[in-house]
């Protein structure tokens, strides 16, 4: 059975936090391959968590 990574009530905060960290990395740290990968990974995770949080929030109402 599928077990979610995070509880549904924490999906939006995790998504917003990972998006904020990705934007800070892109804006203030020097560009390198490793940092670009981490920023892209965090941006992708933020999309997944934000969309899952929004859909679960809409289903709960």
PDB file of N, CA and C in Angstrom:
ATOM      1  N   UNK A   1       0.833  -1.178   0.000  1.00  0.00           N
ATOM      2  CA  UNK A   1       0.000   0.000   0.000  1.00  0.00           C
ATOM      3  C   UNK A   1       0.880   1.244   0.000  1.00  0.00           C
ATOM      4  N   UNK A   2       0.415   2.255  -0.668  1.00  0.00           N
ATOM      5  CA  UNK A   2       1.163   3.511  -0.773  1.00  0.00           C
ATOM      6  C   UNK A   2       1.141   4.255   0.554  1.00  0.00           C
ATOM      7  N   UNK A   3       2.321   4.659   1.012  1.00  0.00           N
ATOM      8  CA  UNK A   3       2.429   5.455   2.234  1.00  0.00           C
ATOM      9  C   UNK A   3       2.976   6.822   1.849  1.00  0.00           C
ATOM     10  N   UNK A   4       2.245   7.890   2.149  1.00  0.00           N
ATOM     11  CA  UNK A   4       2.724   9.222   1.749  1.00  0.00           C
ATOM     12  C   UNK A   4       3.981   9.624   2.501  1.00  0.00           C
ATOM     13  N   UNK A   5       4.791  10.447   1.843  1.00  0.00           N
ATOM     14  CA  UNK A   5       6.042  10.916   2.448  1.00  0.00           C
ATOM     15  C   UNK A   5       5.741  11.826   3.625  1.00  0.00           C
ATOM     16  N   UNK A   6       4.820  12.739   3.447  1.00  0.00           N
ATOM     17  CA  UNK A   6       4.473  13.691   4.504  1.00  0.00           C
ATOM     18  C   UNK A   6       2.965  13.673   4.710  1.00  0.00           C
ATOM     19  N   UNK A   7       2.570  14.028   5.892  1.00  0.00           N
ATOM     20  CA  UNK A   7       1.155  14.137   6.191  1.00  0.00           C
ATOM     21  C   UNK A   7       0.541  15.214   5.300  1.00  0.00           C
ATOM     22  N   UNK A   8      -0.725  15.036   4.913  1.00  0.00           N
ATOM     23  CA  UNK A   8      -1.321  15.969   3.965  1.00  0.00           C
ATOM     24  C   UNK A   8      -1.400  17.388   4.512  1.00  0.00           C
ATOM     25  N   UNK A   9      -1.447  17.565   5.813  1.00  0.00           N
ATOM     26  CA  UNK A   9      -1.520  18.927   6.344  1.00  0.00           C
ATOM     27  C   UNK A   9      -0.178  19.654   6.251  1.00  0.00           C
ATOM     28  N   UNK A  10       0.909  18.924   5.999  1.00  0.00           N
ATOM     29  CA  UNK A  10       2.219  19.539   5.858  1.00  0.00           C
ATOM     30  C   UNK A  10       2.653  19.673   4.402  1.00  0.00           C
ATOM     31  N   UNK A  11       1.818  19.287   3.453  1.00  0.00           N
ATOM     32  CA  UNK A  11       2.211  19.312   2.044  1.00  0.00           C
ATOM     33  C   UNK A  11       2.436  20.745   1.545  1.00  0.00           C
ATOM     34  N   UNK A  12       1.519  21.637   1.831  1.00  0.00           N
ATOM     35  CA  UNK A  12       1.688  23.020   1.368  1.00  0.00           C
ATOM     36  C   UNK A  12       2.861  23.727   2.039  1.00  0.00           C
ATOM     37  N   UNK A  13       3.033  23.634   3.360  1.00  0.00           N
ATOM     38  CA  UNK A  13       4.220  24.285   3.947  1.00  0.00           C
ATOM     39  C   UNK A  13       5.542  23.737   3.429  1.00  0.00           C
ATOM     40  N   UNK A  14       5.623  22.430   3.211  1.00  0.00           N
ATOM     41  CA  UNK A  14       6.854  21.846   2.673  1.00  0.00           C
ATOM     42  C   UNK A  14       7.088  22.358   1.255  1.00  0.00           C
ATOM     43  N   UNK A  15       6.032  22.420   0.458  1.00  0.00           N
ATOM     44  CA  UNK A  15       6.159  22.927  -0.906  1.00  0.00           C
ATOM     45  C   UNK A  15       6.590  24.380  -0.957  1.00  0.00           C
ATOM     46  N   UNK A  16       6.005  25.196  -0.102  1.00  0.00           N
ATOM     47  CA  UNK A  16       6.367  26.614  -0.086  1.00  0.00           C
ATOM     48  C   UNK A  16       7.780  26.821   0.438  1.00  0.00           C
ATOM     49  N   UNK A  17       8.170  26.057   1.429  1.00  0.00           N
ATOM     50  CA  UNK A  17       9.527  26.174   1.968  1.00  0.00           C
ATOM     51  C   UNK A  17      10.570  25.750   0.943  1.00  0.00           C
ATOM     52  N   UNK A  18      10.317  24.655   0.235  1.00  0.00           N
ATOM     53  CA  UNK A  18      11.285  24.216  -0.766  1.00  0.00           C
ATOM     54  C   UNK A  18      11.362  25.205  -1.930  1.00  0.00           C
ATOM     55  N   UNK A  19      10.246  25.831  -2.294  1.00  0.00           N
ATOM     56  CA  UNK A  19      10.274  26.858  -3.332  1.00  0.00           C
ATOM     57  C   UNK A  19      11.071  28.073  -2.876  1.00  0.00           C
ATOM     58  N   UNK A  20      10.884  28.485  -1.639  1.00  0.00           N
ATOM     59  CA  UNK A  20      11.625  29.636  -1.121  1.00  0.00           C
ATOM     60  C   UNK A  20      13.128  29.355  -1.081  1.00  0.00           C
ATOM     61  N   UNK A  21      13.505  28.166  -0.651  1.00  0.00           N
ATOM     62  CA  UNK A  21      14.929  27.816  -0.598  1.00  0.00           C
ATOM     63  C   UNK A  21      15.522  27.777  -2.004  1.00  0.00           C
ATOM     64  N   UNK A  22      14.769  27.227  -2.966  1.00  0.00           N
ATOM     65  CA  UNK A  22      15.252  27.181  -4.350  1.00  0.00           C
ATOM     66  C   UNK A  22      15.458  28.581  -4.912  1.00  0.00           C
ATOM     67  N   UNK A  23      14.535  29.479  -4.625  1.00  0.00           N
ATOM     68  CA  UNK A  23      14.676  30.849  -5.110  1.00  0.00           C
ATOM     69  C   UNK A  23      15.845  31.568  -4.453  1.00  0.00           C
ATOM     70  N   UNK A  24      16.060  31.326  -3.173  1.00  0.00           N
ATOM     71  CA  UNK A  24      17.202  31.936  -2.477  1.00  0.00           C
ATOM     72  C   UNK A  24      18.515  31.414  -3.042  1.00  0.00           C
ATOM     73  N   UNK A  25      18.579  30.113  -3.318  1.00  0.00           N
ATOM     74  CA  UNK A  25      19.795  29.537  -3.903  1.00  0.00           C
ATOM     75  C   UNK A  25      20.083  30.174  -5.259  1.00  0.00           C
ATOM     76  N   UNK A  26      19.050  30.291  -6.086  1.00  0.00           N
ATOM     77  CA  UNK A  26      19.241  30.866  -7.424  1.00  0.00           C
ATOM     78  C   UNK A  26      19.638  32.335  -7.364  1.00  0.00           C
ATOM     79  N   UNK A  27      19.106  33.059  -6.402  1.00  0.00           N
ATOM     80  CA  UNK A  27      19.331  34.506  -6.355  1.00  0.00           C
ATOM     81  C   UNK A  27      20.656  34.880  -5.713  1.00  0.00           C
ATOM     82  N   UNK A  28      21.026  34.240  -4.613  1.00  0.00           N
ATOM     83  CA  UNK A  28      22.132  34.739  -3.809  1.00  0.00           C
ATOM     84  C   UNK A  28      23.417  33.912  -3.861  1.00  0.00           C
ATOM     85  N   UNK A  29      23.364  32.679  -4.310  1.00  0.00           N
ATOM     86  CA  UNK A  29      24.572  31.860  -4.358  1.00  0.00           C
ATOM     87  C   UNK A  29      25.138  31.828  -5.772  1.00  0.00           C
ATOM     88  N   UNK A  30      26.442  31.654  -5.908  1.00  0.00           N
ATOM     89  CA  UNK A  30      27.038  31.620  -7.254  1.00  0.00           C
ATOM     90  C   UNK A  30      26.573  30.390  -8.026  1.00  0.00           C
ATOM     91  N   UNK A  31      26.461  30.557  -9.312  1.00  0.00           N
ATOM     92  CA  UNK A  31      25.958  29.481 -10.156  1.00  0.00           C
ATOM     93  C   UNK A  31      27.013  28.389 -10.336  1.00  0.00           C
ATOM     94  N   UNK A  32      26.616  27.167 -10.069  1.00  0.00           N
ATOM     95  CA  UNK A  32      27.461  26.002 -10.327  1.00  0.00           C
ATOM     96  C   UNK A  32      26.545  24.835 -10.666  1.00  0.00           C
ATOM     97  N   UNK A  33      27.121  23.762 -11.177  1.00  0.00           N
ATOM     98  CA  UNK A  33      26.307  22.618 -11.573  1.00  0.00           C
ATOM     99  C   UNK A  33      25.567  22.004 -10.394  1.00  0.00           C
ATOM    100  N   UNK A  34      26.250  21.862  -9.270  1.00  0.00           N
ATOM    101  CA  UNK A  34      25.637  21.250  -8.100  1.00  0.00           C
ATOM    102  C   UNK A  34      24.504  22.078  -7.528  1.00  0.00           C
ATOM    103  N   UNK A  35      24.729  23.385  -7.426  1.00  0.00           N
ATOM    104  CA  UNK A  35      23.681  24.251  -6.886  1.00  0.00           C
ATOM    105  C   UNK A  35      22.497  24.368  -7.840  1.00  0.00           C
ATOM    106  N   UNK A  36      22.767  24.372  -9.129  1.00  0.00           N
ATOM    107  CA  UNK A  36      21.658  24.386 -10.093  1.00  0.00           C
ATOM    108  C   UNK A  36      20.835  23.109  -9.996  1.00  0.00           C
ATOM    109  N   UNK A  37      21.494  21.981  -9.778  1.00  0.00           N
ATOM    110  CA  UNK A  37      20.768  20.723  -9.612  1.00  0.00           C
ATOM    111  C   UNK A  37      19.906  20.763  -8.356  1.00  0.00           C
ATOM    112  N   UNK A  38      20.472  21.229  -7.251  1.00  0.00           N
ATOM    113  CA  UNK A  38      19.721  21.280  -5.993  1.00  0.00           C
ATOM    114  C   UNK A  38      18.535  22.244  -6.113  1.00  0.00           C
ATOM    115  N   UNK A  39      18.747  23.396  -6.720  1.00  0.00           N
ATOM    116  CA  UNK A  39      17.658  24.355  -6.902  1.00  0.00           C
ATOM    117  C   UNK A  39      16.560  23.770  -7.792  1.00  0.00           C
ATOM    118  N   UNK A  40      16.935  23.092  -8.856  1.00  0.00           N
ATOM    119  CA  UNK A  40      15.947  22.449  -9.725  1.00  0.00           C
ATOM    120  C   UNK A  40      15.198  21.338  -9.035  1.00  0.00           C
ATOM    121  N   UNK A  41      15.910  20.571  -8.238  1.00  0.00           N
ATOM    122  CA  UNK A  41      15.273  19.494  -7.476  1.00  0.00           C
ATOM    123  C   UNK A  41      14.267  20.072  -6.485  1.00  0.00           C
ATOM    124  N   UNK A  42      14.660  21.109  -5.767  1.00  0.00           N
ATOM    125  CA  UNK A  42      13.747  21.725  -4.798  1.00  0.00           C
ATOM    126  C   UNK A  42      12.545  22.357  -5.487  1.00  0.00           C
ATOM    127  N   UNK A  43      12.762  22.938  -6.653  1.00  0.00           N
ATOM    128  CA  UNK A  43      11.656  23.522  -7.409  1.00  0.00           C
ATOM    129  C   UNK A  43      10.677  22.433  -7.847  1.00  0.00           C
ATOM    130  N   UNK A  44      11.202  21.305  -8.316  1.00  0.00           N
ATOM    131  CA  UNK A  44      10.338  20.193  -8.709  1.00  0.00           C
ATOM    132  C   UNK A  44       9.574  19.606  -7.534  1.00  0.00           C
ATOM    133  N   UNK A  45      10.246  19.462  -6.399  1.00  0.00           N
ATOM    134  CA  UNK A  45       9.573  18.963  -5.197  1.00  0.00           C
ATOM    135  C   UNK A  45       8.476  19.930  -4.760  1.00  0.00           C
ATOM    136  N   UNK A  46       8.736  21.230  -4.901  1.00  0.00           N
ATOM    137  CA  UNK A  46       7.725  22.210  -4.500  1.00  0.00           C
ATOM    138  C   UNK A  46       6.478  22.101  -5.376  1.00  0.00           C
ATOM    139  N   UNK A  47       6.663  21.842  -6.660  1.00  0.00           N
ATOM    140  CA  UNK A  47       5.511  21.671  -7.549  1.00  0.00           C
ATOM    141  C   UNK A  47       4.687  20.471  -7.116  1.00  0.00           C
ATOM    142  N   UNK A  48       5.353  19.356  -6.841  1.00  0.00           N
ATOM    143  CA  UNK A  48       4.645  18.136  -6.456  1.00  0.00           C
ATOM    144  C   UNK A  48       3.893  18.332  -5.145  1.00  0.00           C
ATOM    145  N   UNK A  49       4.564  18.872  -4.139  1.00  0.00           N
ATOM    146  CA  UNK A  49       3.921  19.036  -2.834  1.00  0.00           C
ATOM    147  C   UNK A  49       2.813  20.086  -2.886  1.00  0.00           C
ATOM    148  N   UNK A  50       3.011  21.165  -3.616  1.00  0.00           N
ATOM    149  CA  UNK A  50       1.961  22.181  -3.696  1.00  0.00           C
ATOM    150  C   UNK A  50       0.731  21.659  -4.423  1.00  0.00           C
ATOM    151  N   UNK A  51       0.924  20.956  -5.520  1.00  0.00           N
ATOM    152  CA  UNK A  51      -0.233  20.413  -6.237  1.00  0.00           C
ATOM    153  C   UNK A  51      -0.954  19.343  -5.425  1.00  0.00           C
ATOM    154  N   UNK A  52      -0.198  18.480  -4.756  1.00  0.00           N
ATOM    155  CA  UNK A  52      -0.856  17.457  -3.934  1.00  0.00           C
ATOM    156  C   UNK A  52      -1.557  18.088  -2.739  1.00  0.00           C
ATOM    157  N   UNK A  53      -0.964  19.119  -2.151  1.00  0.00           N
ATOM    158  CA  UNK A  53      -1.622  19.794  -1.036  1.00  0.00           C
ATOM    159  C   UNK A  53      -2.899  20.495  -1.453  1.00  0.00           C
ATOM    160  N   UNK A  54      -2.872  21.130  -2.632  1.00  0.00           N
ATOM    161  CA  UNK A  54      -4.065  21.825  -3.113  1.00  0.00           C
ATOM    162  C   UNK A  54      -5.171  20.833  -3.435  1.00  0.00           C
ATOM    163  N   UNK A  55      -4.843  19.732  -4.110  1.00  0.00           N
ATOM    164  CA  UNK A  55      -5.888  18.760  -4.460  1.00  0.00           C
ATOM    165  C   UNK A  55      -6.456  18.088  -3.213  1.00  0.00           C
ATOM    166  N   UNK A  56      -5.639  17.777  -2.241  1.00  0.00           N
ATOM    167  CA  UNK A  56      -6.170  17.162  -1.014  1.00  0.00           C
ATOM    168  C   UNK A  56      -6.976  18.160  -0.209  1.00  0.00           C
ATOM    169  N   UNK A  57      -6.570  19.426  -0.228  1.00  0.00           N
ATOM    170  CA  UNK A  57      -7.330  20.455   0.476  1.00  0.00           C
ATOM    171  C   UNK A  57      -8.697  20.646  -0.162  1.00  0.00           C
ATOM    172  N   UNK A  58      -8.751  20.614  -1.491  1.00  0.00           N
ATOM    173  CA  UNK A  58     -10.027  20.786  -2.181  1.00  0.00           C
ATOM    174  C   UNK A  58     -10.935  19.586  -1.971  1.00  0.00           C
ATOM    175  N   UNK A  59     -10.361  18.385  -1.890  1.00  0.00           N
ATOM    176  CA  UNK A  59     -11.166  17.188  -1.655  1.00  0.00           C
ATOM    177  C   UNK A  59     -11.703  17.147  -0.235  1.00  0.00           C
ATOM    178  N   UNK A  60     -10.970  17.735   0.709  1.00  0.00           N
ATOM    179  CA  UNK A  60     -11.389  17.718   2.112  1.00  0.00           C
ATOM    180  C   UNK A  60     -12.605  18.616   2.339  1.00  0.00           C
ATOM    181  N   UNK A  61     -12.760  19.654   1.520  1.00  0.00           N
ATOM    182  CA  UNK A  61     -13.909  20.554   1.678  1.00  0.00           C
ATOM    183  C   UNK A  61     -15.046  19.987   0.937  1.00  0.00           C
TER     184      UNK A  61
END
